[in-house]
Amino acid sequence: MNEPQPSYADNDSSSVPEASDYIATLFRDPTSSHLLETLVSRCPESVFCILWTIYFERSLKKLAMHPVANFVIAKALERANFEQLSYAMNELRDSLGKFRRMYASHMLSR
């Protein structure tokens, strides 16, 4: 009897699943983004690396500028490894001034 095949083989580390529109919406929703923050903070390293590759690398700058998604990005950067942090700094370097202007009022109010 033929077994159904998973969307990607667990034993093939080069295979990465496709991005889900559902998870992409979790970044921007004020309620569900808290769930995504928790998942990003507590998932196993192998799962985090897949999430990083699929969701963070492809749209890091755009998500970091979003008023809700930036909290998920912050959680991801807290646990990112050296390579991921280097990538993030290179990706976001040109936007640091814009971040400062956008979030200065948040920093001053706390």
PDB file of N, CA and C in Angstrom:
ATOM      1  N   MET A   1       0.848  -1.178   0.000  1.00  0.00           N
ATOM      2  CA  MET A   1       0.000   0.000   0.000  1.00  0.00           C
ATOM      3  C   MET A   1       0.888   1.234   0.000  1.00  0.00           C
ATOM      4  N   ASN A   2       0.603   2.211  -0.834  1.00  0.00           N
ATOM      5  CA  ASN A   2       1.410   3.417  -0.930  1.00  0.00           C
ATOM      6  C   ASN A   2       1.075   4.384   0.190  1.00  0.00           C
ATOM      7  N   GLU A   3       2.132   4.855   0.844  1.00  0.00           N
ATOM      8  CA  GLU A   3       1.974   5.852   1.903  1.00  0.00           C
ATOM      9  C   GLU A   3       1.895   7.234   1.280  1.00  0.00           C
ATOM     10  N   PRO A   4       1.059   8.141   1.821  1.00  0.00           N
ATOM     11  CA  PRO A   4       1.061   9.511   1.301  1.00  0.00           C
ATOM     12  C   PRO A   4       2.393  10.182   1.608  1.00  0.00           C
ATOM     13  N   GLN A   5       2.886  10.964   0.662  1.00  0.00           N
ATOM     14  CA  GLN A   5       4.168  11.638   0.819  1.00  0.00           C
ATOM     15  C   GLN A   5       3.966  12.985   1.504  1.00  0.00           C
ATOM     16  N   PRO A   6       4.838  13.333   2.443  1.00  0.00           N
ATOM     17  CA  PRO A   6       4.747  14.653   3.058  1.00  0.00           C
ATOM     18  C   PRO A   6       5.104  15.735   2.047  1.00  0.00           C
ATOM     19  N   SER A   7       4.776  16.990   2.383  1.00  0.00           N
ATOM     20  CA  SER A   7       5.050  18.087   1.459  1.00  0.00           C
ATOM     21  C   SER A   7       6.545  18.267   1.240  1.00  0.00           C
ATOM     22  N   TYR A   8       7.343  17.858   2.208  1.00  0.00           N
ATOM     23  CA  TYR A   8       8.788  17.819   2.031  1.00  0.00           C
ATOM     24  C   TYR A   8       9.328  16.706   2.912  1.00  0.00           C
ATOM     25  N   ALA A   9      10.416  16.116   2.483  1.00  0.00           N
ATOM     26  CA  ALA A   9      10.978  14.971   3.205  1.00  0.00           C
ATOM     27  C   ALA A   9      11.765  15.459   4.412  1.00  0.00           C
ATOM     28  N   ASP A  10      11.447  14.923   5.591  1.00  0.00           N
ATOM     29  CA  ASP A  10      12.144  15.320   6.814  1.00  0.00           C
ATOM     30  C   ASP A  10      13.628  14.996   6.760  1.00  0.00           C
ATOM     31  N   ASN A  11      13.991  13.966   6.032  1.00  0.00           N
ATOM     32  CA  ASN A  11      15.392  13.579   5.982  1.00  0.00           C
ATOM     33  C   ASN A  11      16.172  14.314   4.902  1.00  0.00           C
ATOM     34  N   ASP A  12      15.525  15.186   4.152  1.00  0.00           N
ATOM     35  CA  ASP A  12      16.196  15.960   3.114  1.00  0.00           C
ATOM     36  C   ASP A  12      16.301  17.405   3.577  1.00  0.00           C
ATOM     37  N   SER A  13      17.467  17.777   4.121  1.00  0.00           N
ATOM     38  CA  SER A  13      17.640  19.110   4.688  1.00  0.00           C
ATOM     39  C   SER A  13      17.660  20.210   3.630  1.00  0.00           C
ATOM     40  N   SER A  14      17.824  19.851   2.369  1.00  0.00           N
ATOM     41  CA  SER A  14      17.840  20.862   1.319  1.00  0.00           C
ATOM     42  C   SER A  14      16.426  21.216   0.859  1.00  0.00           C
ATOM     43  N   SER A  15      15.449  20.437   1.266  1.00  0.00           N
ATOM     44  CA  SER A  15      14.073  20.672   0.873  1.00  0.00           C
ATOM     45  C   SER A  15      13.391  21.582   1.894  1.00  0.00           C
ATOM     46  N   VAL A  16      12.767  22.655   1.399  1.00  0.00           N
ATOM     47  CA  VAL A  16      12.101  23.610   2.279  1.00  0.00           C
ATOM     48  C   VAL A  16      10.666  23.765   1.807  1.00  0.00           C
ATOM     49  N   PRO A  17       9.702  23.743   2.732  1.00  0.00           N
ATOM     50  CA  PRO A  17       8.305  23.888   2.317  1.00  0.00           C
ATOM     51  C   PRO A  17       8.031  25.285   1.763  1.00  0.00           C
ATOM     52  N   GLU A  18       6.935  25.408   1.033  1.00  0.00           N
ATOM     53  CA  GLU A  18       6.540  26.696   0.473  1.00  0.00           C
ATOM     54  C   GLU A  18       5.965  27.590   1.566  1.00  0.00           C
ATOM     55  N   ALA A  19       6.030  28.896   1.350  1.00  0.00           N
ATOM     56  CA  ALA A  19       5.465  29.858   2.293  1.00  0.00           C
ATOM     57  C   ALA A  19       3.947  29.714   2.332  1.00  0.00           C
ATOM     58  N   SER A  20       3.393  29.889   3.507  1.00  0.00           N
ATOM     59  CA  SER A  20       1.955  29.822   3.702  1.00  0.00           C
ATOM     60  C   SER A  20       1.389  31.236   3.826  1.00  0.00           C
ATOM     61  N   ASP A  21       0.351  31.527   3.084  1.00  0.00           N
ATOM     62  CA  ASP A  21      -0.303  32.828   3.198  1.00  0.00           C
ATOM     63  C   ASP A  21      -0.869  33.018   4.602  1.00  0.00           C
ATOM     64  N   TYR A  22      -1.324  31.930   5.205  1.00  0.00           N
ATOM     65  CA  TYR A  22      -1.883  32.005   6.557  1.00  0.00           C
ATOM     66  C   TYR A  22      -0.833  32.503   7.553  1.00  0.00           C
ATOM     67  N   ILE A  23       0.344  31.925   7.526  1.00  0.00           N
ATOM     68  CA  ILE A  23       1.400  32.351   8.458  1.00  0.00           C
ATOM     69  C   ILE A  23       1.829  33.777   8.148  1.00  0.00           C
ATOM     70  N   ALA A  24       1.862  34.135   6.880  1.00  0.00           N
ATOM     71  CA  ALA A  24       2.218  35.504   6.518  1.00  0.00           C
ATOM     72  C   ALA A  24       1.233  36.504   7.119  1.00  0.00           C
ATOM     73  N   THR A  25      -0.033  36.143   7.230  1.00  0.00           N
ATOM     74  CA  THR A  25      -1.009  37.053   7.842  1.00  0.00           C
ATOM     75  C   THR A  25      -0.842  37.145   9.355  1.00  0.00           C
ATOM     76  N   LEU A  26      -0.291  36.112   9.977  1.00  0.00           N
ATOM     77  CA  LEU A  26      -0.070  36.160  11.424  1.00  0.00           C
ATOM     78  C   LEU A  26       0.878  37.291  11.815  1.00  0.00           C
ATOM     79  N   PHE A  27       1.818  37.608  10.957  1.00  0.00           N
ATOM     80  CA  PHE A  27       2.769  38.680  11.237  1.00  0.00           C
ATOM     81  C   PHE A  27       2.065  40.011  11.462  1.00  0.00           C
ATOM     82  N   ARG A  28       1.020  40.269  10.705  1.00  0.00           N
ATOM     83  CA  ARG A  28       0.400  41.595  10.662  1.00  0.00           C
ATOM     84  C   ARG A  28      -0.832  41.751  11.540  1.00  0.00           C
ATOM     85  N   ASP A  29      -1.337  40.671  12.074  1.00  0.00           N
ATOM     86  CA  ASP A  29      -2.542  40.736  12.899  1.00  0.00           C
ATOM     87  C   ASP A  29      -2.170  41.013  14.355  1.00  0.00           C
ATOM     88  N   PRO A  30      -2.760  42.037  14.978  1.00  0.00           N
ATOM     89  CA  PRO A  30      -2.377  42.402  16.347  1.00  0.00           C
ATOM     90  C   PRO A  30      -2.565  41.286  17.378  1.00  0.00           C
ATOM     91  N   THR A  31      -3.534  40.412  17.163  1.00  0.00           N
ATOM     92  CA  THR A  31      -3.766  39.328  18.114  1.00  0.00           C
ATOM     93  C   THR A  31      -2.905  38.112  17.805  1.00  0.00           C
ATOM     94  N   SER A  32      -2.961  37.640  16.579  1.00  0.00           N
ATOM     95  CA  SER A  32      -2.245  36.403  16.239  1.00  0.00           C
ATOM     96  C   SER A  32      -0.734  36.594  16.183  1.00  0.00           C
ATOM     97  N   SER A  33      -0.261  37.829  16.061  1.00  0.00           N
ATOM     98  CA  SER A  33       1.189  38.046  16.052  1.00  0.00           C
ATOM     99  C   SER A  33       1.810  37.626  17.389  1.00  0.00           C
ATOM    100  N   HIS A  34       1.030  37.707  18.469  1.00  0.00           N
ATOM    101  CA  HIS A  34       1.536  37.247  19.772  1.00  0.00           C
ATOM    102  C   HIS A  34       1.809  35.744  19.746  1.00  0.00           C
ATOM    103  N   LEU A  35       0.931  34.997  19.097  1.00  0.00           N
ATOM    104  CA  LEU A  35       1.153  33.562  18.934  1.00  0.00           C
ATOM    105  C   LEU A  35       2.416  33.302  18.131  1.00  0.00           C
ATOM    106  N   LEU A  36       2.590  34.052  17.059  1.00  0.00           N
ATOM    107  CA  LEU A  36       3.778  33.872  16.223  1.00  0.00           C
ATOM    108  C   LEU A  36       5.044  34.246  16.986  1.00  0.00           C
ATOM    109  N   GLU A  37       4.988  35.292  17.825  1.00  0.00           N
ATOM    110  CA  GLU A  37       6.139  35.644  18.672  1.00  0.00           C
ATOM    111  C   GLU A  37       6.519  34.465  19.565  1.00  0.00           C
ATOM    112  N   THR A  38       5.520  33.828  20.163  1.00  0.00           N
ATOM    113  CA  THR A  38       5.774  32.682  21.034  1.00  0.00           C
ATOM    114  C   THR A  38       6.360  31.517  20.249  1.00  0.00           C
ATOM    115  N   LEU A  39       5.799  31.249  19.080  1.00  0.00           N
ATOM    116  CA  LEU A  39       6.329  30.160  18.253  1.00  0.00           C
ATOM    117  C   LEU A  39       7.774  30.422  17.855  1.00  0.00           C
ATOM    118  N   VAL A  40       8.070  31.643  17.446  1.00  0.00           N
ATOM    119  CA  VAL A  40       9.433  31.997  17.033  1.00  0.00           C
ATOM    120  C   VAL A  40      10.393  31.862  18.216  1.00  0.00           C
ATOM    121  N   SER A  41       9.943  32.228  19.401  1.00  0.00           N
ATOM    122  CA  SER A  41      10.798  32.176  20.589  1.00  0.00           C
ATOM    123  C   SER A  41      11.069  30.762  21.076  1.00  0.00           C
ATOM    124  N   ARG A  42      10.104  29.865  20.903  1.00  0.00           N
ATOM    125  CA  ARG A  42      10.189  28.551  21.548  1.00  0.00           C
ATOM    126  C   ARG A  42      10.332  27.353  20.623  1.00  0.00           C
ATOM    127  N   CYS A  43      10.261  27.561  19.328  1.00  0.00           N
ATOM    128  CA  CYS A  43      10.345  26.410  18.419  1.00  0.00           C
ATOM    129  C   CYS A  43      11.774  25.866  18.392  1.00  0.00           C
ATOM    130  N   PRO A  44      11.931  24.607  18.006  1.00  0.00           N
ATOM    131  CA  PRO A  44      13.275  24.029  17.887  1.00  0.00           C
ATOM    132  C   PRO A  44      14.106  24.797  16.853  1.00  0.00           C
ATOM    133  N   GLU A  45      15.398  24.740  17.002  1.00  0.00           N
ATOM    134  CA  GLU A  45      16.316  25.463  16.115  1.00  0.00           C
ATOM    135  C   GLU A  45      16.079  25.117  14.647  1.00  0.00           C
ATOM    136  N   SER A  46      15.850  23.848  14.360  1.00  0.00           N
ATOM    137  CA  SER A  46      15.641  23.442  12.961  1.00  0.00           C
ATOM    138  C   SER A  46      14.387  24.092  12.375  1.00  0.00           C
ATOM    139  N   VAL A  47      13.346  24.210  13.169  1.00  0.00           N
ATOM    140  CA  VAL A  47      12.113  24.859  12.710  1.00  0.00           C
ATOM    141  C   VAL A  47      12.340  26.356  12.546  1.00  0.00           C
ATOM    142  N   PHE A  48      13.065  26.958  13.496  1.00  0.00           N
ATOM    143  CA  PHE A  48      13.355  28.389  13.379  1.00  0.00           C
ATOM    144  C   PHE A  48      14.139  28.690  12.099  1.00  0.00           C
ATOM    145  N   CYS A  49      15.084  27.851  11.765  1.00  0.00           N
ATOM    146  CA  CYS A  49      15.870  28.063  10.538  1.00  0.00           C
ATOM    147  C   CYS A  49      14.986  28.004   9.296  1.00  0.00           C
ATOM    148  N   ILE A  50      14.011  27.112   9.303  1.00  0.00           N
ATOM    149  CA  ILE A  50      13.077  27.042   8.181  1.00  0.00           C
ATOM    150  C   ILE A  50      12.220  28.301   8.139  1.00  0.00           C
ATOM    151  N   LEU A  51      11.699  28.723   9.295  1.00  0.00           N
ATOM    152  CA  LEU A  51      10.915  29.961   9.352  1.00  0.00           C
ATOM    153  C   LEU A  51      11.738  31.153   8.876  1.00  0.00           C
ATOM    154  N   TRP A  52      12.997  31.210   9.305  1.00  0.00           N
ATOM    155  CA  TRP A  52      13.874  32.315   8.915  1.00  0.00           C
ATOM    156  C   TRP A  52      14.022  32.351   7.389  1.00  0.00           C
ATOM    157  N   THR A  53      14.302  31.192   6.815  1.00  0.00           N
ATOM    158  CA  THR A  53      14.521  31.114   5.377  1.00  0.00           C
ATOM    159  C   THR A  53      13.266  31.479   4.590  1.00  0.00           C
ATOM    160  N   ILE A  54      12.133  30.996   5.032  1.00  0.00           N
ATOM    161  CA  ILE A  54      10.900  31.191   4.268  1.00  0.00           C
ATOM    162  C   ILE A  54      10.294  32.575   4.484  1.00  0.00           C
ATOM    163  N   TYR A  55      10.226  33.028   5.740  1.00  0.00           N
ATOM    164  CA  TYR A  55       9.453  34.231   6.037  1.00  0.00           C
ATOM    165  C   TYR A  55      10.301  35.465   6.355  1.00  0.00           C
ATOM    166  N   PHE A  56      11.406  35.295   7.041  1.00  0.00           N
ATOM    167  CA  PHE A  56      12.167  36.465   7.468  1.00  0.00           C
ATOM    168  C   PHE A  56      13.103  36.974   6.386  1.00  0.00           C
ATOM    169  N   GLU A  57      13.874  36.094   5.788  1.00  0.00           N
ATOM    170  CA  GLU A  57      14.832  36.527   4.763  1.00  0.00           C
ATOM    171  C   GLU A  57      14.151  37.188   3.576  1.00  0.00           C
ATOM    172  N   ARG A  58      13.030  36.689   3.189  1.00  0.00           N
ATOM    173  CA  ARG A  58      12.365  37.201   1.984  1.00  0.00           C
ATOM    174  C   ARG A  58      11.759  38.586   2.166  1.00  0.00           C
ATOM    175  N   SER A  59      11.418  38.963   3.390  1.00  0.00           N
ATOM    176  CA  SER A  59      10.719  40.243   3.564  1.00  0.00           C
ATOM    177  C   SER A  59      11.077  40.919   4.882  1.00  0.00           C
ATOM    178  N   LEU A  60      12.316  40.789   5.294  1.00  0.00           N
ATOM    179  CA  LEU A  60      12.740  41.322   6.584  1.00  0.00           C
ATOM    180  C   LEU A  60      12.510  42.830   6.681  1.00  0.00           C
ATOM    181  N   LYS A  61      12.927  43.571   5.685  1.00  0.00           N
ATOM    182  CA  LYS A  61      12.797  45.034   5.730  1.00  0.00           C
ATOM    183  C   LYS A  61      11.327  45.451   5.804  1.00  0.00           C
ATOM    184  N   LYS A  62      10.507  44.843   4.978  1.00  0.00           N
ATOM    185  CA  LYS A  62       9.083  45.176   4.943  1.00  0.00           C
ATOM    186  C   LYS A  62       8.415  44.850   6.283  1.00  0.00           C
ATOM    187  N   LEU A  63       8.710  43.689   6.850  1.00  0.00           N
ATOM    188  CA  LEU A  63       8.115  43.297   8.122  1.00  0.00           C
ATOM    189  C   LEU A  63       8.623  44.160   9.276  1.00  0.00           C
ATOM    190  N   ALA A  64       9.888  44.526   9.232  1.00  0.00           N
ATOM    191  CA  ALA A  64      10.459  45.350  10.295  1.00  0.00           C
ATOM    192  C   ALA A  64       9.825  46.737  10.335  1.00  0.00           C
ATOM    193  N   MET A  65       9.345  47.224   9.195  1.00  0.00           N
ATOM    194  CA  MET A  65       8.698  48.531   9.120  1.00  0.00           C
ATOM    195  C   MET A  65       7.229  48.484   9.540  1.00  0.00           C
ATOM    196  N   HIS A  66       6.668  47.308   9.601  1.00  0.00           N
ATOM    197  CA  HIS A  66       5.244  47.169   9.918  1.00  0.00           C
ATOM    198  C   HIS A  66       5.013  47.382  11.422  1.00  0.00           C
ATOM    199  N   PRO A  67       3.968  48.133  11.807  1.00  0.00           N
ATOM    200  CA  PRO A  67       3.747  48.443  13.228  1.00  0.00           C
ATOM    201  C   PRO A  67       3.448  47.240  14.121  1.00  0.00           C
ATOM    202  N   VAL A  68       2.990  46.132  13.564  1.00  0.00           N
ATOM    203  CA  VAL A  68       2.729  44.921  14.356  1.00  0.00           C
ATOM    204  C   VAL A  68       3.823  43.880  14.117  1.00  0.00           C
ATOM    205  N   ALA A  69       4.159  43.643  12.863  1.00  0.00           N
ATOM    206  CA  ALA A  69       5.119  42.600  12.511  1.00  0.00           C
ATOM    207  C   ALA A  69       6.506  42.864  13.091  1.00  0.00           C
ATOM    208  N   ASN A  70       6.838  44.119  13.385  1.00  0.00           N
ATOM    209  CA  ASN A  70       8.171  44.406  13.901  1.00  0.00           C
ATOM    210  C   ASN A  70       8.423  43.723  15.248  1.00  0.00           C
ATOM    211  N   PHE A  71       7.365  43.426  16.008  1.00  0.00           N
ATOM    212  CA  PHE A  71       7.545  42.724  17.279  1.00  0.00           C
ATOM    213  C   PHE A  71       7.958  41.273  17.044  1.00  0.00           C
ATOM    214  N   VAL A  72       7.404  40.657  16.018  1.00  0.00           N
ATOM    215  CA  VAL A  72       7.797  39.288  15.657  1.00  0.00           C
ATOM    216  C   VAL A  72       9.244  39.284  15.178  1.00  0.00           C
ATOM    217  N   ILE A  73       9.610  40.288  14.392  1.00  0.00           N
ATOM    218  CA  ILE A  73      10.993  40.409  13.920  1.00  0.00           C
ATOM    219  C   ILE A  73      11.942  40.540  15.110  1.00  0.00           C
ATOM    220  N   ALA A  74      11.568  41.337  16.098  1.00  0.00           N
ATOM    221  CA  ALA A  74      12.415  41.516  17.281  1.00  0.00           C
ATOM    222  C   ALA A  74      12.640  40.184  17.998  1.00  0.00           C
ATOM    223  N   LYS A  75      11.600  39.378  18.124  1.00  0.00           N
ATOM    224  CA  LYS A  75      11.745  38.060  18.760  1.00  0.00           C
ATOM    225  C   LYS A  75      12.655  37.158  17.938  1.00  0.00           C
ATOM    226  N   ALA A  76      12.532  37.237  16.630  1.00  0.00           N
ATOM    227  CA  ALA A  76      13.389  36.414  15.770  1.00  0.00           C
ATOM    228  C   ALA A  76      14.845  36.844  15.905  1.00  0.00           C
ATOM    229  N   LEU A  77      15.084  38.141  15.967  1.00  0.00           N
ATOM    230  CA  LEU A  77      16.463  38.625  16.094  1.00  0.00           C
ATOM    231  C   LEU A  77      17.074  38.262  17.443  1.00  0.00           C
ATOM    232  N   GLU A  78      16.246  38.134  18.476  1.00  0.00           N
ATOM    233  CA  GLU A  78      16.740  37.716  19.795  1.00  0.00           C
ATOM    234  C   GLU A  78      17.379  36.340  19.755  1.00  0.00           C
ATOM    235  N   ARG A  79      16.879  35.469  18.914  1.00  0.00           N
ATOM    236  CA  ARG A  79      17.417  34.103  18.899  1.00  0.00           C
ATOM    237  C   ARG A  79      18.191  33.763  17.633  1.00  0.00           C
ATOM    238  N   ALA A  80      18.340  34.720  16.750  1.00  0.00           N
ATOM    239  CA  ALA A  80      19.054  34.483  15.492  1.00  0.00           C
ATOM    240  C   ALA A  80      20.526  34.158  15.756  1.00  0.00           C
ATOM    241  N   ASN A  81      21.093  33.313  14.922  1.00  0.00           N
ATOM    242  CA  ASN A  81      22.510  32.995  15.033  1.00  0.00           C
ATOM    243  C   ASN A  81      23.343  34.085  14.347  1.00  0.00           C
ATOM    244  N   PHE A  82      24.647  33.942  14.366  1.00  0.00           N
ATOM    245  CA  PHE A  82      25.531  34.974  13.822  1.00  0.00           C
ATOM    246  C   PHE A  82      25.255  35.243  12.342  1.00  0.00           C
ATOM    247  N   GLU A  83      25.110  34.195  11.556  1.00  0.00           N
ATOM    248  CA  GLU A  83      24.857  34.367  10.122  1.00  0.00           C
ATOM    249  C   GLU A  83      23.536  35.093   9.872  1.00  0.00           C
ATOM    250  N   GLN A  84      22.518  34.723  10.626  1.00  0.00           N
ATOM    251  CA  GLN A  84      21.215  35.355  10.461  1.00  0.00           C
ATOM    252  C   GLN A  84      21.264  36.821  10.883  1.00  0.00           C
ATOM    253  N   LEU A  85      21.963  37.108  11.976  1.00  0.00           N
ATOM    254  CA  LEU A  85      22.099  38.499  12.418  1.00  0.00           C
ATOM    255  C   LEU A  85      22.887  39.328  11.406  1.00  0.00           C
ATOM    256  N   SER A  86      23.923  38.740  10.854  1.00  0.00           N
ATOM    257  CA  SER A  86      24.702  39.448   9.825  1.00  0.00           C
ATOM    258  C   SER A  86      23.829  39.766   8.623  1.00  0.00           C
ATOM    259  N   TYR A  87      23.050  38.797   8.206  1.00  0.00           N
ATOM    260  CA  TYR A  87      22.130  39.015   7.092  1.00  0.00           C
ATOM    261  C   TYR A  87      21.162  40.151   7.432  1.00  0.00           C
ATOM    262  N   ALA A  88      20.588  40.112   8.641  1.00  0.00           N
ATOM    263  CA  ALA A  88      19.620  41.128   9.056  1.00  0.00           C
ATOM    264  C   ALA A  88      20.254  42.520   9.081  1.00  0.00           C
ATOM    265  N   MET A  89      21.450  42.625   9.603  1.00  0.00           N
ATOM    266  CA  MET A  89      22.110  43.938   9.653  1.00  0.00           C
ATOM    267  C   MET A  89      22.375  44.465   8.246  1.00  0.00           C
ATOM    268  N   ASN A  90      22.828  43.620   7.354  1.00  0.00           N
ATOM    269  CA  ASN A  90      23.053  44.053   5.969  1.00  0.00           C
ATOM    270  C   ASN A  90      21.743  44.460   5.294  1.00  0.00           C
ATOM    271  N   GLU A  91      20.707  43.704   5.559  1.00  0.00           N
ATOM    272  CA  GLU A  91      19.405  43.973   4.952  1.00  0.00           C
ATOM    273  C   GLU A  91      18.783  45.265   5.489  1.00  0.00           C
ATOM    274  N   LEU A  92      18.948  45.518   6.779  1.00  0.00           N
ATOM    275  CA  LEU A  92      18.265  46.643   7.428  1.00  0.00           C
ATOM    276  C   LEU A  92      19.131  47.896   7.545  1.00  0.00           C
ATOM    277  N   ARG A  93      20.401  47.802   7.225  1.00  0.00           N
ATOM    278  CA  ARG A  93      21.336  48.919   7.402  1.00  0.00           C
ATOM    279  C   ARG A  93      20.823  50.224   6.798  1.00  0.00           C
ATOM    280  N   ASP A  94      20.315  50.175   5.587  1.00  0.00           N
ATOM    281  CA  ASP A  94      19.847  51.384   4.913  1.00  0.00           C
ATOM    282  C   ASP A  94      18.580  51.962   5.540  1.00  0.00           C
ATOM    283  N   SER A  95      17.890  51.183   6.339  1.00  0.00           N
ATOM    284  CA  SER A  95      16.614  51.624   6.907  1.00  0.00           C
ATOM    285  C   SER A  95      16.718  52.066   8.363  1.00  0.00           C
ATOM    286  N   LEU A  96      17.882  52.022   8.962  1.00  0.00           N
ATOM    287  CA  LEU A  96      17.999  52.328  10.391  1.00  0.00           C
ATOM    288  C   LEU A  96      17.524  53.743  10.727  1.00  0.00           C
ATOM    289  N   GLY A  97      17.829  54.716   9.888  1.00  0.00           N
ATOM    290  CA  GLY A  97      17.356  56.076  10.122  1.00  0.00           C
ATOM    291  C   GLY A  97      15.844  56.164  10.090  1.00  0.00           C
ATOM    292  N   LYS A  98      15.248  55.453   9.151  1.00  0.00           N
ATOM    293  CA  LYS A  98      13.785  55.433   9.042  1.00  0.00           C
ATOM    294  C   LYS A  98      13.162  54.780  10.273  1.00  0.00           C
ATOM    295  N   PHE A  99      13.789  53.695  10.768  1.00  0.00           N
ATOM    296  CA  PHE A  99      13.297  53.050  11.983  1.00  0.00           C
ATOM    297  C   PHE A  99      13.317  54.036  13.153  1.00  0.00           C
ATOM    298  N   ARG A 100      14.409  54.754  13.271  1.00  0.00           N
ATOM    299  CA  ARG A 100      14.550  55.698  14.376  1.00  0.00           C
ATOM    300  C   ARG A 100      13.436  56.746  14.320  1.00  0.00           C
ATOM    301  N   ARG A 101      13.177  57.287  13.142  1.00  0.00           N
ATOM    302  CA  ARG A 101      12.120  58.288  13.003  1.00  0.00           C
ATOM    303  C   ARG A 101      10.740  57.687  13.276  1.00  0.00           C
ATOM    304  N   MET A 102      10.503  56.467  12.782  1.00  0.00           N
ATOM    305  CA  MET A 102       9.193  55.837  12.949  1.00  0.00           C
ATOM    306  C   MET A 102       8.889  55.506  14.402  1.00  0.00           C
ATOM    307  N   TYR A 103       9.899  55.018  15.110  1.00  0.00           N
ATOM    308  CA  TYR A 103       9.652  54.491  16.446  1.00  0.00           C
ATOM    309  C   TYR A 103      10.198  55.371  17.561  1.00  0.00           C
ATOM    310  N   ALA A 104      10.667  56.563  17.252  1.00  0.00           N
ATOM    311  CA  ALA A 104      11.208  57.462  18.282  1.00  0.00           C
ATOM    312  C   ALA A 104      10.141  57.770  19.325  1.00  0.00           C
ATOM    313  N   SER A 105       8.920  58.004  18.911  1.00  0.00           N
ATOM    314  CA  SER A 105       7.862  58.318  19.881  1.00  0.00           C
ATOM    315  C   SER A 105       7.588  57.137  20.797  1.00  0.00           C
ATOM    316  N   HIS A 106       7.701  55.908  20.284  1.00  0.00           N
ATOM    317  CA  HIS A 106       7.509  54.711  21.122  1.00  0.00           C
ATOM    318  C   HIS A 106       8.604  54.623  22.179  1.00  0.00           C
ATOM    319  N   MET A 107       9.834  54.902  21.777  1.00  0.00           N
ATOM    320  CA  MET A 107      10.954  54.799  22.706  1.00  0.00           C
ATOM    321  C   MET A 107      10.896  55.896  23.766  1.00  0.00           C
ATOM    322  N   LEU A 108      10.469  57.087  23.385  1.00  0.00           N
ATOM    323  CA  LEU A 108      10.416  58.197  24.333  1.00  0.00           C
ATOM    324  C   LEU A 108       9.261  58.051  25.323  1.00  0.00           C
ATOM    325  N   SER A 109       8.202  57.399  24.925  1.00  0.00           N
ATOM    326  CA  SER A 109       7.031  57.245  25.807  1.00  0.00           C
ATOM    327  C   SER A 109       7.201  56.152  26.843  1.00  0.00           C
ATOM    328  N   ARG A 110       8.204  55.329  26.697  1.00  0.00           N
ATOM    329  CA  ARG A 110       8.366  54.223  27.654  1.00  0.00           C
ATOM    330  C   ARG A 110       9.293  54.566  28.749  1.00  0.00           C
TER     331      ARG A 110
END
